[in-house]
Amino acid sequence: MFDIYIWFYTGVALTILGSLGTALGPGVKDPITRTLNTEVAAVGVSLIFLTYNHTIGLLTFIAATAIITMILLRAIVRLEEVGAEL
């Protein structure tokens, strides 16, 4: 069968890479790239939780994706209202 530690370590790696991408993301001009950087971290956290319980992993992915998308879209709209260049 599948080795469960592969999914755990993949989740840890994705969480670290996604967090670094999000931290460096404000230097990126494209809002889609910023959103994808945060989604990588959300998938990593979901994979970590998936090794423990399937329901927790799925709910974490859905909640993190919804919250991050709402926050980033509001930030992008707010910056466009101010007239800042994205």
C-alpha atoms as a PDB file:
ATOM      1  CA  MET A   1       0.000   0.000   0.000  1.00  0.00           C
ATOM      2  CA  PHE A   2       1.026   3.672   0.248  1.00  0.00           C
ATOM      3  CA  ASP A   3       3.530   4.793   2.806  1.00  0.00           C
ATOM      4  CA  ILE A   4       1.787   7.415   4.928  1.00  0.00           C
ATOM      5  CA  TYR A   5       5.017   9.250   5.715  1.00  0.00           C
ATOM      6  CA  ILE A   6       5.443  10.190   2.050  1.00  0.00           C
ATOM      7  CA  TRP A   7       2.248  12.263   2.257  1.00  0.00           C
ATOM      8  CA  PHE A   8       3.298  13.788   5.580  1.00  0.00           C
ATOM      9  CA  TYR A   9       6.729  14.897   4.365  1.00  0.00           C
ATOM     10  CA  THR A  10       5.293  16.119   1.065  1.00  0.00           C
ATOM     11  CA  GLY A  11       2.819  18.219   3.055  1.00  0.00           C
ATOM     12  CA  VAL A  12       5.601  19.647   5.203  1.00  0.00           C
ATOM     13  CA  ALA A  13       7.652  20.539   2.116  1.00  0.00           C
ATOM     14  CA  LEU A  14       4.660  22.166   0.395  1.00  0.00           C
ATOM     15  CA  THR A  15       3.809  24.125   3.534  1.00  0.00           C
ATOM     16  CA  ILE A  16       7.347  25.477   3.831  1.00  0.00           C
ATOM     17  CA  LEU A  17       7.637  26.302   0.121  1.00  0.00           C
ATOM     18  CA  GLY A  18       4.177  27.865   0.033  1.00  0.00           C
ATOM     19  CA  SER A  19       4.911  29.954   3.117  1.00  0.00           C
ATOM     20  CA  LEU A  20       8.152  31.206   1.590  1.00  0.00           C
ATOM     21  CA  GLY A  21       6.336  31.965  -1.660  1.00  0.00           C
ATOM     22  CA  THR A  22       3.678  33.882   0.228  1.00  0.00           C
ATOM     23  CA  ALA A  23       6.261  35.841   2.201  1.00  0.00           C
ATOM     24  CA  LEU A  24       8.071  36.776  -1.008  1.00  0.00           C
ATOM     25  CA  GLY A  25       4.784  37.167  -2.889  1.00  0.00           C
ATOM     26  CA  PRO A  26       4.249  40.895  -2.269  1.00  0.00           C
ATOM     27  CA  GLY A  27       7.168  41.531  -4.610  1.00  0.00           C
ATOM     28  CA  VAL A  28       5.212  39.789  -7.363  1.00  0.00           C
ATOM     29  CA  LYS A  29       2.994  42.052  -9.463  1.00  0.00           C
ATOM     30  CA  ASP A  30       0.505  39.393 -10.598  1.00  0.00           C
ATOM     31  CA  PRO A  31      -2.359  38.765  -8.112  1.00  0.00           C
ATOM     32  CA  ILE A  32      -2.940  35.278  -9.544  1.00  0.00           C
ATOM     33  CA  THR A  33       0.615  34.293  -8.607  1.00  0.00           C
ATOM     34  CA  ARG A  34       0.048  35.580  -5.077  1.00  0.00           C
ATOM     35  CA  THR A  35      -3.094  33.473  -4.777  1.00  0.00           C
ATOM     36  CA  LEU A  36      -1.316  30.368  -6.061  1.00  0.00           C
ATOM     37  CA  ASN A  37       1.478  30.865  -3.534  1.00  0.00           C
ATOM     38  CA  THR A  38      -1.034  30.757  -0.690  1.00  0.00           C
ATOM     39  CA  GLU A  39      -2.825  27.760  -2.180  1.00  0.00           C
ATOM     40  CA  VAL A  40       0.416  25.731  -2.147  1.00  0.00           C
ATOM     41  CA  ALA A  41       0.685  26.254   1.609  1.00  0.00           C
ATOM     42  CA  ALA A  42      -3.000  25.323   2.070  1.00  0.00           C
ATOM     43  CA  VAL A  43      -2.511  22.081   0.157  1.00  0.00           C
ATOM     44  CA  GLY A  44       0.550  21.290   2.286  1.00  0.00           C
ATOM     45  CA  VAL A  45      -1.350  21.762   5.533  1.00  0.00           C
ATOM     46  CA  SER A  46      -4.184  19.653   4.167  1.00  0.00           C
ATOM     47  CA  LEU A  47      -1.784  16.820   3.306  1.00  0.00           C
ATOM     48  CA  ILE A  48      -0.388  16.913   6.832  1.00  0.00           C
ATOM     49  CA  PHE A  49      -3.878  16.669   8.320  1.00  0.00           C
ATOM     50  CA  LEU A  50      -4.809  14.036   5.742  1.00  0.00           C
ATOM     51  CA  THR A  51      -2.261  11.660   7.250  1.00  0.00           C
ATOM     52  CA  TYR A  52      -4.197  11.804  10.522  1.00  0.00           C
ATOM     53  CA  ASN A  53      -7.821  12.007   9.457  1.00  0.00           C
ATOM     54  CA  HIS A  54      -9.432  12.330   6.025  1.00  0.00           C
ATOM     55  CA  THR A  55     -12.283  14.543   7.204  1.00  0.00           C
ATOM     56  CA  ILE A  56      -9.971  17.015   8.930  1.00  0.00           C
ATOM     57  CA  GLY A  57      -7.782  17.207   5.812  1.00  0.00           C
ATOM     58  CA  LEU A  58     -10.714  17.926   3.521  1.00  0.00           C
ATOM     59  CA  LEU A  59     -12.282  20.507   5.835  1.00  0.00           C
ATOM     60  CA  THR A  60      -8.937  22.242   6.308  1.00  0.00           C
ATOM     61  CA  PHE A  61      -8.413  22.526   2.568  1.00  0.00           C
ATOM     62  CA  ILE A  62     -11.909  23.898   1.961  1.00  0.00           C
ATOM     63  CA  ALA A  63     -11.737  26.385   4.840  1.00  0.00           C
ATOM     64  CA  ALA A  64      -8.210  27.601   4.081  1.00  0.00           C
ATOM     65  CA  THR A  65      -8.971  28.046   0.388  1.00  0.00           C
ATOM     66  CA  ALA A  66     -12.173  29.981   1.042  1.00  0.00           C
ATOM     67  CA  ILE A  67     -10.667  32.279   3.673  1.00  0.00           C
ATOM     68  CA  ILE A  68      -7.460  32.988   1.736  1.00  0.00           C
ATOM     69  CA  THR A  69      -9.384  33.704  -1.471  1.00  0.00           C
ATOM     70  CA  MET A  70     -11.740  36.148   0.263  1.00  0.00           C
ATOM     71  CA  ILE A  71      -8.882  37.994   1.963  1.00  0.00           C
ATOM     72  CA  LEU A  72      -6.767  38.288  -1.173  1.00  0.00           C
ATOM     73  CA  LEU A  73      -9.655  39.369  -3.382  1.00  0.00           C
ATOM     74  CA  ARG A  74     -10.632  42.049  -0.862  1.00  0.00           C
ATOM     75  CA  ALA A  75      -7.031  43.261  -0.691  1.00  0.00           C
ATOM     76  CA  ILE A  76      -6.794  43.446  -4.488  1.00  0.00           C
ATOM     77  CA  VAL A  77     -10.082  45.360  -4.746  1.00  0.00           C
ATOM     78  CA  ARG A  78      -8.971  47.746  -1.983  1.00  0.00           C
ATOM     79  CA  LEU A  79      -5.661  48.428  -3.742  1.00  0.00           C
ATOM     80  CA  GLU A  80      -7.445  49.126  -7.018  1.00  0.00           C
ATOM     81  CA  GLU A  81      -9.813  51.551  -5.277  1.00  0.00           C
ATOM     82  CA  VAL A  82      -6.857  53.458  -3.880  1.00  0.00           C
ATOM     83  CA  GLY A  83      -5.254  53.483  -7.310  1.00  0.00           C
ATOM     84  CA  ALA A  84      -2.169  51.508  -6.417  1.00  0.00           C
ATOM     85  CA  GLU A  85      -0.411  49.690  -9.190  1.00  0.00           C
ATOM     86  CA  LEU A  86      -0.573  45.901  -8.886  1.00  0.00           C
END
